[in-house]
Amino acid sequence: MKKILSWIFLLAFVFFMFYNPIFCGLQLGALCVYYVVHYATFLNHINKHGKESRGTILSYETEGKGHKTPLVEFEINGEQIVKKPYYYASTDLSILKTYKNKINKSISILYDPRCPEKFIIKSEKGFNYFSLIFAGLVGLLFVLISLVQLYKSISLDGME
C-alpha cells in the first residue's frame, strides 16, 4: 500500500510540475507536515508508554549524504534486536564526526512494548522534538506560500 501511495504522490508531483508548480509546494509541505505528525505522535506515545532498556551502539551507518545513524543492539524478553532507531535526527555535524568513541558504549533506549523494534535513544529526546518542530515549520511554510500563490493566481484569473 505504501508503494502505491508513493507512486501516486510521485505521478501527481510530476503532473503538477508541468500543469501548475504551485501544487508541488503544497504537496511537499503537506507531506512534511504528515511525517511530522506521524513521528510526533510516535514520540509522544513512546515517552508516555515506552519501556526503558539498555542497548549498545554497534556501529554507525552512513546514509546518502554522509549522515550517520547508530545501529543499536538490545535484548527484550530474550529476543536480540539489532536495528536503527525508529526516529533519529542526524545533523550536518554527523558528516564530520567519526563517533568511534561511542561504539560499544551502553546507552539508554525507550522502546514501544507493542513493537520492540520501534525505539528511540533516550538522550536524543530533546533534539528529536527540536528537529520535528523545525521540519513542521518548514512544511507549514511551504503550505502557506503555496496557498498564497494559489490565491493570487485565482484572484488574477478571476479579474480578467
C-alpha atoms as a PDB file:
ATOM      1  CA  MET A   1       0.000   0.000   0.000  1.00  0.00           C
ATOM      2  CA  LYS A   2       2.846   2.377   0.860  1.00  0.00           C
ATOM      3  CA  LYS A   3       4.446   1.741  -2.511  1.00  0.00           C
ATOM      4  CA  ILE A   4       1.211   2.513  -4.361  1.00  0.00           C
ATOM      5  CA  LEU A   5       0.749   5.766  -2.436  1.00  0.00           C
ATOM      6  CA  SER A   6       4.370   6.710  -3.153  1.00  0.00           C
ATOM      7  CA  TRP A   7       3.813   6.212  -6.880  1.00  0.00           C
ATOM      8  CA  ILE A   8       0.578   8.198  -6.824  1.00  0.00           C
ATOM      9  CA  PHE A   9       2.338  11.036  -4.985  1.00  0.00           C
ATOM     10  CA  LEU A  10       5.233  10.979  -7.467  1.00  0.00           C
ATOM     11  CA  LEU A  11       2.962  10.919 -10.521  1.00  0.00           C
ATOM     12  CA  ALA A  12       0.857  13.778  -9.143  1.00  0.00           C
ATOM     13  CA  PHE A  13       4.030  15.739  -8.409  1.00  0.00           C
ATOM     14  CA  VAL A  14       5.340  15.268 -11.964  1.00  0.00           C
ATOM     15  CA  PHE A  15       1.944  16.180 -13.428  1.00  0.00           C
ATOM     16  CA  PHE A  16       1.728  19.374 -11.362  1.00  0.00           C
ATOM     17  CA  MET A  17       5.307  20.333 -12.255  1.00  0.00           C
ATOM     18  CA  PHE A  18       4.047  20.964 -15.760  1.00  0.00           C
ATOM     19  CA  TYR A  19       0.447  21.941 -15.055  1.00  0.00           C
ATOM     20  CA  ASN A  20       0.826  24.320 -12.091  1.00  0.00           C
ATOM     21  CA  PRO A  21       4.001  24.116  -9.945  1.00  0.00           C
ATOM     22  CA  ILE A  22       2.230  25.821  -7.037  1.00  0.00           C
ATOM     23  CA  PHE A  23       0.676  22.439  -6.222  1.00  0.00           C
ATOM     24  CA  CYS A  24       4.161  20.871  -5.932  1.00  0.00           C
ATOM     25  CA  GLY A  25       4.969  23.127  -2.989  1.00  0.00           C
ATOM     26  CA  LEU A  26       1.610  22.313  -1.477  1.00  0.00           C
ATOM     27  CA  GLN A  27       2.290  18.594  -1.886  1.00  0.00           C
ATOM     28  CA  LEU A  28       5.774  18.815  -0.355  1.00  0.00           C
ATOM     29  CA  GLY A  29       4.541  20.893   2.564  1.00  0.00           C
ATOM     30  CA  ALA A  30       1.643  18.535   3.232  1.00  0.00           C
ATOM     31  CA  LEU A  31       3.967  15.516   3.076  1.00  0.00           C
ATOM     32  CA  CYS A  32       6.361  17.166   5.508  1.00  0.00           C
ATOM     33  CA  VAL A  33       3.534  18.010   7.916  1.00  0.00           C
ATOM     34  CA  TYR A  34       2.211  14.426   7.632  1.00  0.00           C
ATOM     35  CA  TYR A  35       5.577  12.959   8.652  1.00  0.00           C
ATOM     36  CA  VAL A  36       5.963  15.464  11.486  1.00  0.00           C
ATOM     37  CA  VAL A  37       2.550  14.498  12.870  1.00  0.00           C
ATOM     38  CA  HIS A  38       3.358  10.780  12.437  1.00  0.00           C
ATOM     39  CA  TYR A  39       6.690  10.943  14.264  1.00  0.00           C
ATOM     40  CA  ALA A  40       5.464  13.412  16.902  1.00  0.00           C
ATOM     41  CA  THR A  41       2.602  11.029  17.694  1.00  0.00           C
ATOM     42  CA  PHE A  42       5.090   8.180  17.963  1.00  0.00           C
ATOM     43  CA  LEU A  43       7.433  10.190  20.222  1.00  0.00           C
ATOM     44  CA  ASN A  44       4.552  11.207  22.482  1.00  0.00           C
ATOM     45  CA  HIS A  45       3.383   7.592  22.700  1.00  0.00           C
ATOM     46  CA  ILE A  46       6.825   6.211  23.452  1.00  0.00           C
ATOM     47  CA  ASN A  47       7.549   8.889  26.054  1.00  0.00           C
ATOM     48  CA  LYS A  48       4.294   8.069  27.865  1.00  0.00           C
ATOM     49  CA  HIS A  49       4.095   4.294  27.410  1.00  0.00           C
ATOM     50  CA  GLY A  50       7.610   3.267  26.386  1.00  0.00           C
ATOM     51  CA  LYS A  51       9.747   0.895  28.393  1.00  0.00           C
ATOM     52  CA  GLU A  52      13.325   1.761  29.192  1.00  0.00           C
ATOM     53  CA  SER A  53      16.154  -0.649  28.471  1.00  0.00           C
ATOM     54  CA  ARG A  54      19.874  -0.640  27.815  1.00  0.00           C
ATOM     55  CA  GLY A  55      21.394  -1.060  24.406  1.00  0.00           C
ATOM     56  CA  THR A  56      24.827  -0.995  22.831  1.00  0.00           C
ATOM     57  CA  ILE A  57      25.838   1.020  19.790  1.00  0.00           C
ATOM     58  CA  LEU A  58      27.420  -1.482  17.402  1.00  0.00           C
ATOM     59  CA  SER A  59      28.286   0.916  14.595  1.00  0.00           C
ATOM     60  CA  TYR A  60      27.143   3.953  12.678  1.00  0.00           C
ATOM     61  CA  GLU A  61      25.669   3.509   9.237  1.00  0.00           C
ATOM     62  CA  THR A  62      26.308   6.272   6.759  1.00  0.00           C
ATOM     63  CA  GLU A  63      23.201   7.492   4.946  1.00  0.00           C
ATOM     64  CA  GLY A  64      23.052   9.016   1.450  1.00  0.00           C
ATOM     65  CA  LYS A  65      24.842  12.312   2.047  1.00  0.00           C
ATOM     66  CA  GLY A  66      27.145  11.180   4.835  1.00  0.00           C
ATOM     67  CA  HIS A  67      24.762  11.472   7.779  1.00  0.00           C
ATOM     68  CA  LYS A  68      25.383   8.768  10.353  1.00  0.00           C
ATOM     69  CA  THR A  69      22.723   6.742  12.162  1.00  0.00           C
ATOM     70  CA  PRO A  70      23.570   4.380  15.022  1.00  0.00           C
ATOM     71  CA  LEU A  71      22.944   0.675  14.782  1.00  0.00           C
ATOM     72  CA  VAL A  72      21.854  -0.422  18.266  1.00  0.00           C
ATOM     73  CA  GLU A  73      21.703  -3.884  19.779  1.00  0.00           C
ATOM     74  CA  PHE A  74      19.481  -4.689  22.753  1.00  0.00           C
ATOM     75  CA  GLU A  75      17.545  -7.589  24.211  1.00  0.00           C
ATOM     76  CA  ILE A  76      13.818  -7.659  25.020  1.00  0.00           C
ATOM     77  CA  ASN A  77      12.212 -10.787  26.514  1.00  0.00           C
ATOM     78  CA  GLY A  78      15.108 -12.953  25.340  1.00  0.00           C
ATOM     79  CA  GLU A  79      14.888 -11.639  21.774  1.00  0.00           C
ATOM     80  CA  GLN A  80      18.032  -9.993  20.399  1.00  0.00           C
ATOM     81  CA  ILE A  81      17.220  -6.878  18.354  1.00  0.00           C
ATOM     82  CA  VAL A  82      19.720  -5.073  16.112  1.00  0.00           C
ATOM     83  CA  LYS A  83      18.192  -2.021  14.416  1.00  0.00           C
ATOM     84  CA  LYS A  84      18.459   1.678  13.809  1.00  0.00           C
ATOM     85  CA  PRO A  85      16.215   3.900  15.950  1.00  0.00           C
ATOM     86  CA  TYR A  86      12.710   4.392  14.562  1.00  0.00           C
ATOM     87  CA  TYR A  87      13.277   8.144  14.686  1.00  0.00           C
ATOM     88  CA  TYR A  88      16.741   9.667  14.771  1.00  0.00           C
ATOM     89  CA  ALA A  89      17.551  13.205  13.696  1.00  0.00           C
ATOM     90  CA  SER A  90      21.012  13.444  12.209  1.00  0.00           C
ATOM     91  CA  THR A  91      22.696  16.816  11.727  1.00  0.00           C
ATOM     92  CA  ASP A  92      25.278  18.053   9.270  1.00  0.00           C
ATOM     93  CA  LEU A  93      27.840  17.754  12.084  1.00  0.00           C
ATOM     94  CA  SER A  94      27.442  13.983  11.916  1.00  0.00           C
ATOM     95  CA  ILE A  95      29.061  14.095   8.483  1.00  0.00           C
ATOM     96  CA  LEU A  96      32.274  15.371  10.071  1.00  0.00           C
ATOM     97  CA  LYS A  97      32.256  13.318  13.288  1.00  0.00           C
ATOM     98  CA  THR A  98      33.533   9.759  13.482  1.00  0.00           C
ATOM     99  CA  TYR A  99      31.689   8.617  16.638  1.00  0.00           C
ATOM    100  CA  LYS A 100      34.394   5.976  17.222  1.00  0.00           C
ATOM    101  CA  ASN A 101      34.310   6.771  20.943  1.00  0.00           C
ATOM    102  CA  LYS A 102      30.586   5.871  21.109  1.00  0.00           C
ATOM    103  CA  ILE A 103      30.864   2.423  19.527  1.00  0.00           C
ATOM    104  CA  ASN A 104      30.339  -0.420  22.049  1.00  0.00           C
ATOM    105  CA  LYS A 105      29.024   2.080  24.606  1.00  0.00           C
ATOM    106  CA  SER A 106      25.925   1.276  26.602  1.00  0.00           C
ATOM    107  CA  ILE A 107      23.029   3.680  26.059  1.00  0.00           C
ATOM    108  CA  SER A 108      19.526   4.057  27.413  1.00  0.00           C
ATOM    109  CA  ILE A 109      16.696   3.445  24.961  1.00  0.00           C
ATOM    110  CA  LEU A 110      12.912   3.722  25.085  1.00  0.00           C
ATOM    111  CA  TYR A 111      11.058   1.058  23.127  1.00  0.00           C
ATOM    112  CA  ASP A 112       7.419   0.518  22.276  1.00  0.00           C
ATOM    113  CA  PRO A 113       6.181  -2.503  24.282  1.00  0.00           C
ATOM    114  CA  ARG A 114       3.753  -3.394  21.443  1.00  0.00           C
ATOM    115  CA  CYS A 115       6.558  -3.403  18.893  1.00  0.00           C
ATOM    116  CA  PRO A 116      10.055  -3.501  20.481  1.00  0.00           C
ATOM    117  CA  GLU A 117      11.733  -2.875  17.100  1.00  0.00           C
ATOM    118  CA  LYS A 118      10.450   0.708  17.339  1.00  0.00           C
ATOM    119  CA  PHE A 119      12.709   2.525  19.742  1.00  0.00           C
ATOM    120  CA  ILE A 120      14.496   5.820  20.286  1.00  0.00           C
ATOM    121  CA  ILE A 121      17.687   6.786  22.059  1.00  0.00           C
ATOM    122  CA  LYS A 122      16.570   8.352  25.322  1.00  0.00           C
ATOM    123  CA  SER A 123      19.293  11.013  25.414  1.00  0.00           C
ATOM    124  CA  GLU A 124      18.188  12.288  21.969  1.00  0.00           C
ATOM    125  CA  LYS A 125      14.630  13.095  23.122  1.00  0.00           C
ATOM    126  CA  GLY A 126      15.089  16.876  23.203  1.00  0.00           C
ATOM    127  CA  PHE A 127      16.814  17.055  19.824  1.00  0.00           C
ATOM    128  CA  ASN A 128      14.186  14.767  18.289  1.00  0.00           C
ATOM    129  CA  TYR A 129      11.430  17.204  19.267  1.00  0.00           C
ATOM    130  CA  PHE A 130      13.504  20.185  18.084  1.00  0.00           C
ATOM    131  CA  SER A 131      14.024  18.582  14.669  1.00  0.00           C
ATOM    132  CA  LEU A 132      10.309  17.829  14.365  1.00  0.00           C
ATOM    133  CA  ILE A 133       9.360  21.400  15.264  1.00  0.00           C
ATOM    134  CA  PHE A 134      11.828  22.699  12.676  1.00  0.00           C
ATOM    135  CA  ALA A 135      10.563  20.299   9.986  1.00  0.00           C
ATOM    136  CA  GLY A 136       6.965  21.186  10.850  1.00  0.00           C
ATOM    137  CA  LEU A 137       7.681  24.891  10.445  1.00  0.00           C
ATOM    138  CA  VAL A 138       9.339  24.271   7.087  1.00  0.00           C
ATOM    139  CA  GLY A 139       6.359  22.166   5.952  1.00  0.00           C
ATOM    140  CA  LEU A 140       3.859  24.782   7.106  1.00  0.00           C
ATOM    141  CA  LEU A 141       5.888  27.468   5.339  1.00  0.00           C
ATOM    142  CA  PHE A 142       5.684  25.501   2.078  1.00  0.00           C
ATOM    143  CA  VAL A 143       1.929  25.085   2.521  1.00  0.00           C
ATOM    144  CA  LEU A 144       1.416  28.752   3.382  1.00  0.00           C
ATOM    145  CA  ILE A 145       3.495  30.059   0.469  1.00  0.00           C
ATOM    146  CA  SER A 146       1.728  27.681  -1.919  1.00  0.00           C
ATOM    147  CA  LEU A 147      -1.722  28.701  -0.683  1.00  0.00           C
ATOM    148  CA  VAL A 148      -0.854  32.418  -1.003  1.00  0.00           C
ATOM    149  CA  GLN A 149       0.442  31.855  -4.543  1.00  0.00           C
ATOM    150  CA  LEU A 150      -2.629  29.801  -5.406  1.00  0.00           C
ATOM    151  CA  TYR A 151      -4.908  32.523  -4.045  1.00  0.00           C
ATOM    152  CA  LYS A 152      -3.042  35.164  -6.077  1.00  0.00           C
ATOM    153  CA  SER A 153      -3.297  33.134  -9.279  1.00  0.00           C
ATOM    154  CA  ILE A 154      -7.030  32.506  -8.731  1.00  0.00           C
ATOM    155  CA  SER A 155      -7.605  36.201  -7.956  1.00  0.00           C
ATOM    156  CA  LEU A 156      -5.709  37.301 -11.060  1.00  0.00           C
ATOM    157  CA  ASP A 157      -7.525  34.795 -13.268  1.00  0.00           C
ATOM    158  CA  GLY A 158     -10.880  35.903 -11.912  1.00  0.00           C
ATOM    159  CA  MET A 159     -10.206  39.582 -12.685  1.00  0.00           C
ATOM    160  CA  GLU A 160      -9.643  39.061 -16.395  1.00  0.00           C
END
